[in-house]
Amino acid sequence: MRSIIEKMRPFDAHQKALQVREKCGIDFYQEHYHNFIDIPCPTCGSRGRDEFVKYGFRHKRCQECLTLFCSPRQTDTELLQYY
């Protein structure tokens, strides 16, 4: 008998959704990265230190308040276009 989780989120469908999400993120990054802007921490305005890269997006951790954020990142207009 399949587990409750497998019934709610079939493995194959979940894997496909992850692949689609990754492709969309990479495609968006490649199309718009030239318009990205550097930003300070959105919480306190301090500098961030590189933490990791996902789909091309650089994630930083604020050295003061530990907020995780992307910089450089898309403009507000491009973010609305993405969503």
N, C-alpha and C. Protein backbone atom coordinates (compact mmCIF):
# COMPACT_ATOMS: atom_id res chain seq x y z
N MET A 1 0.84 -1.19 0.00
CA MET A 1 0.00 0.00 0.00
C MET A 1 0.88 1.25 0.00
N ARG A 2 0.53 2.23 -0.81
CA ARG A 2 1.30 3.47 -0.89
C ARG A 2 1.14 4.29 0.38
N SER A 3 2.19 5.01 0.73
CA SER A 3 2.13 5.84 1.92
C SER A 3 1.22 7.05 1.67
N ILE A 4 0.80 7.66 2.73
CA ILE A 4 -0.06 8.85 2.63
C ILE A 4 0.66 9.95 1.86
N ILE A 5 1.96 10.12 2.13
CA ILE A 5 2.73 11.16 1.43
C ILE A 5 2.80 10.86 -0.06
N GLU A 6 3.01 9.61 -0.43
CA GLU A 6 3.06 9.23 -1.84
C GLU A 6 1.72 9.49 -2.52
N LYS A 7 0.63 9.31 -1.81
CA LYS A 7 -0.69 9.60 -2.39
C LYS A 7 -0.87 11.10 -2.58
N MET A 8 -0.39 11.90 -1.62
CA MET A 8 -0.55 13.35 -1.71
C MET A 8 0.42 13.98 -2.71
N ARG A 9 1.62 13.42 -2.79
CA ARG A 9 2.65 13.98 -3.65
C ARG A 9 3.37 12.84 -4.35
N PRO A 10 2.79 12.33 -5.44
CA PRO A 10 3.43 11.23 -6.15
C PRO A 10 4.86 11.60 -6.55
N PHE A 11 5.78 10.70 -6.33
CA PHE A 11 7.21 10.97 -6.53
C PHE A 11 7.50 11.51 -7.92
N ASP A 12 6.99 10.87 -8.96
CA ASP A 12 7.28 11.29 -10.33
C ASP A 12 6.78 12.71 -10.61
N ALA A 13 5.59 13.01 -10.14
CA ALA A 13 5.03 14.36 -10.34
C ALA A 13 5.85 15.39 -9.58
N HIS A 14 6.28 15.04 -8.39
CA HIS A 14 7.10 15.96 -7.58
C HIS A 14 8.44 16.22 -8.26
N GLN A 15 9.08 15.17 -8.78
CA GLN A 15 10.36 15.33 -9.48
C GLN A 15 10.20 16.22 -10.71
N LYS A 16 9.12 16.03 -11.44
CA LYS A 16 8.87 16.85 -12.63
C LYS A 16 8.68 18.32 -12.23
N ALA A 17 7.95 18.56 -11.16
CA ALA A 17 7.74 19.93 -10.68
C ALA A 17 9.07 20.58 -10.30
N LEU A 18 9.95 19.83 -9.65
CA LEU A 18 11.27 20.36 -9.29
C LEU A 18 12.09 20.71 -10.53
N GLN A 19 12.02 19.87 -11.55
CA GLN A 19 12.75 20.13 -12.80
C GLN A 19 12.21 21.38 -13.50
N VAL A 20 10.89 21.53 -13.53
CA VAL A 20 10.28 22.70 -14.16
C VAL A 20 10.67 23.97 -13.40
N ARG A 21 10.64 23.91 -12.07
CA ARG A 21 11.03 25.06 -11.25
C ARG A 21 12.48 25.45 -11.51
N GLU A 22 13.35 24.47 -11.59
CA GLU A 22 14.76 24.75 -11.86
C GLU A 22 14.94 25.38 -13.24
N LYS A 23 14.29 24.82 -14.26
CA LYS A 23 14.40 25.37 -15.61
C LYS A 23 13.88 26.80 -15.68
N CYS A 24 12.76 27.07 -15.04
CA CYS A 24 12.20 28.43 -15.04
C CYS A 24 13.15 29.41 -14.37
N GLY A 25 13.74 29.00 -13.26
CA GLY A 25 14.68 29.87 -12.55
C GLY A 25 15.91 30.17 -13.38
N ILE A 26 16.48 29.14 -14.00
CA ILE A 26 17.67 29.32 -14.82
C ILE A 26 17.35 30.17 -16.05
N ASP A 27 16.24 29.88 -16.72
CA ASP A 27 15.85 30.66 -17.91
C ASP A 27 15.65 32.13 -17.55
N PHE A 28 14.96 32.39 -16.44
CA PHE A 28 14.73 33.78 -16.03
C PHE A 28 16.06 34.47 -15.74
N TYR A 29 16.95 33.81 -15.02
CA TYR A 29 18.24 34.39 -14.69
C TYR A 29 19.01 34.74 -15.96
N GLN A 30 19.09 33.79 -16.89
CA GLN A 30 19.85 34.02 -18.12
C GLN A 30 19.28 35.15 -18.97
N GLU A 31 17.98 35.32 -18.93
CA GLU A 31 17.34 36.36 -19.74
C GLU A 31 17.49 37.75 -19.10
N HIS A 32 17.53 37.83 -17.78
CA HIS A 32 17.43 39.13 -17.11
C HIS A 32 18.64 39.54 -16.27
N TYR A 33 19.64 38.68 -16.11
CA TYR A 33 20.72 38.98 -15.17
C TYR A 33 21.44 40.29 -15.48
N HIS A 34 21.47 40.69 -16.73
CA HIS A 34 22.16 41.92 -17.11
C HIS A 34 21.48 43.17 -16.54
N ASN A 35 20.22 43.06 -16.10
CA ASN A 35 19.50 44.19 -15.50
C ASN A 35 19.51 44.14 -13.97
N PHE A 36 20.12 43.11 -13.39
CA PHE A 36 20.07 42.95 -11.94
C PHE A 36 20.82 44.09 -11.25
N ILE A 37 20.39 44.39 -10.04
CA ILE A 37 20.99 45.47 -9.26
C ILE A 37 21.51 44.92 -7.93
N ASP A 38 22.67 45.44 -7.49
CA ASP A 38 23.21 45.07 -6.19
C ASP A 38 22.39 45.76 -5.11
N ILE A 39 22.10 45.03 -4.05
CA ILE A 39 21.35 45.61 -2.94
C ILE A 39 22.03 45.24 -1.62
N PRO A 40 21.85 46.09 -0.61
CA PRO A 40 22.28 45.71 0.73
C PRO A 40 21.21 44.83 1.38
N CYS A 41 21.43 44.42 2.59
CA CYS A 41 20.45 43.62 3.31
C CYS A 41 19.11 44.35 3.34
N PRO A 42 18.01 43.71 2.92
CA PRO A 42 16.71 44.38 2.91
C PRO A 42 16.16 44.62 4.32
N THR A 43 16.74 43.97 5.33
CA THR A 43 16.26 44.14 6.70
C THR A 43 16.96 45.30 7.41
N CYS A 44 18.30 45.33 7.34
CA CYS A 44 19.03 46.33 8.12
C CYS A 44 19.94 47.23 7.30
N GLY A 45 20.11 46.91 6.01
CA GLY A 45 20.93 47.75 5.14
C GLY A 45 22.42 47.47 5.19
N SER A 46 22.83 46.45 5.92
CA SER A 46 24.25 46.11 6.01
C SER A 46 24.69 45.28 4.82
N ARG A 47 25.97 45.00 4.77
CA ARG A 47 26.52 44.19 3.68
C ARG A 47 26.26 42.72 3.92
N GLY A 48 26.21 41.99 2.84
CA GLY A 48 26.06 40.54 2.93
C GLY A 48 27.31 39.85 2.45
N ARG A 49 27.46 38.62 2.86
CA ARG A 49 28.59 37.79 2.43
C ARG A 49 28.02 36.62 1.64
N ASP A 50 28.70 36.27 0.53
CA ASP A 50 28.21 35.17 -0.32
C ASP A 50 27.98 33.91 0.51
N GLU A 51 26.82 33.29 0.31
CA GLU A 51 26.45 32.07 1.02
C GLU A 51 26.39 30.88 0.06
N PHE A 52 25.62 31.03 -1.05
CA PHE A 52 25.55 29.97 -2.06
C PHE A 52 24.92 30.54 -3.32
N VAL A 53 24.99 29.76 -4.41
CA VAL A 53 24.40 30.13 -5.70
C VAL A 53 23.38 29.05 -6.06
N LYS A 54 22.18 29.49 -6.48
CA LYS A 54 21.15 28.56 -6.91
C LYS A 54 20.51 29.11 -8.18
N TYR A 55 20.55 28.32 -9.25
CA TYR A 55 20.02 28.69 -10.56
C TYR A 55 20.69 29.96 -11.11
N GLY A 56 21.88 30.29 -10.64
CA GLY A 56 22.58 31.49 -11.06
C GLY A 56 22.45 32.64 -10.07
N PHE A 57 21.44 32.60 -9.23
CA PHE A 57 21.19 33.66 -8.25
C PHE A 57 22.15 33.53 -7.07
N ARG A 58 22.85 34.62 -6.75
CA ARG A 58 23.77 34.62 -5.61
C ARG A 58 23.00 34.95 -4.33
N HIS A 59 23.06 34.07 -3.39
CA HIS A 59 22.42 34.28 -2.09
C HIS A 59 23.47 34.74 -1.10
N LYS A 60 23.14 35.77 -0.35
CA LYS A 60 24.07 36.32 0.64
C LYS A 60 23.44 36.24 2.02
N ARG A 61 24.31 36.24 3.02
CA ARG A 61 23.87 36.28 4.42
C ARG A 61 24.38 37.59 5.01
N CYS A 62 23.47 38.36 5.60
CA CYS A 62 23.84 39.63 6.22
C CYS A 62 24.79 39.36 7.38
N GLN A 63 25.83 40.15 7.47
CA GLN A 63 26.83 39.98 8.53
C GLN A 63 26.34 40.54 9.87
N GLU A 64 25.30 41.35 9.84
CA GLU A 64 24.77 41.95 11.07
C GLU A 64 23.57 41.20 11.63
N CYS A 65 22.53 41.00 10.80
CA CYS A 65 21.27 40.43 11.31
C CYS A 65 21.02 39.00 10.83
N LEU A 66 21.92 38.47 9.98
CA LEU A 66 21.87 37.09 9.48
C LEU A 66 20.73 36.81 8.50
N THR A 67 20.10 37.85 7.97
CA THR A 67 19.07 37.67 6.94
C THR A 67 19.70 37.08 5.69
N LEU A 68 19.01 36.14 5.05
CA LEU A 68 19.45 35.55 3.80
C LEU A 68 18.72 36.27 2.67
N PHE A 69 19.47 36.75 1.67
CA PHE A 69 18.85 37.50 0.57
C PHE A 69 19.66 37.33 -0.71
N CYS A 70 19.05 37.67 -1.84
CA CYS A 70 19.73 37.60 -3.14
C CYS A 70 20.25 38.98 -3.52
N SER A 71 21.49 39.02 -3.99
CA SER A 71 22.08 40.23 -4.53
C SER A 71 23.26 39.82 -5.39
N PRO A 72 23.31 40.34 -6.62
CA PRO A 72 22.35 41.24 -7.22
C PRO A 72 21.03 40.51 -7.51
N ARG A 73 20.01 41.31 -7.65
CA ARG A 73 18.71 40.70 -7.93
C ARG A 73 17.95 41.54 -8.95
N GLN A 74 16.84 40.97 -9.40
CA GLN A 74 16.04 41.62 -10.42
C GLN A 74 15.36 42.87 -9.87
N THR A 75 14.97 43.75 -10.77
CA THR A 75 14.22 44.93 -10.38
C THR A 75 12.80 44.50 -9.99
N ASP A 76 12.07 45.39 -9.35
CA ASP A 76 10.68 45.08 -8.96
C ASP A 76 9.84 44.72 -10.18
N THR A 77 10.04 45.44 -11.28
CA THR A 77 9.28 45.18 -12.51
C THR A 77 9.55 43.77 -13.02
N GLU A 78 10.80 43.36 -13.03
CA GLU A 78 11.15 42.02 -13.50
C GLU A 78 10.65 40.95 -12.55
N LEU A 79 10.63 41.24 -11.27
CA LEU A 79 10.13 40.28 -10.30
C LEU A 79 8.63 40.04 -10.52
N LEU A 80 7.89 41.10 -10.76
CA LEU A 80 6.46 40.95 -11.05
C LEU A 80 6.25 40.16 -12.34
N GLN A 81 7.09 40.39 -13.32
CA GLN A 81 7.00 39.66 -14.59
C GLN A 81 7.23 38.17 -14.33
N TYR A 82 8.19 37.84 -13.48
CA TYR A 82 8.50 36.44 -13.19
C TYR A 82 7.31 35.74 -12.54
N TYR A 83 6.69 36.41 -11.56
CA TYR A 83 5.58 35.79 -10.86
C TYR A 83 4.29 35.93 -11.64
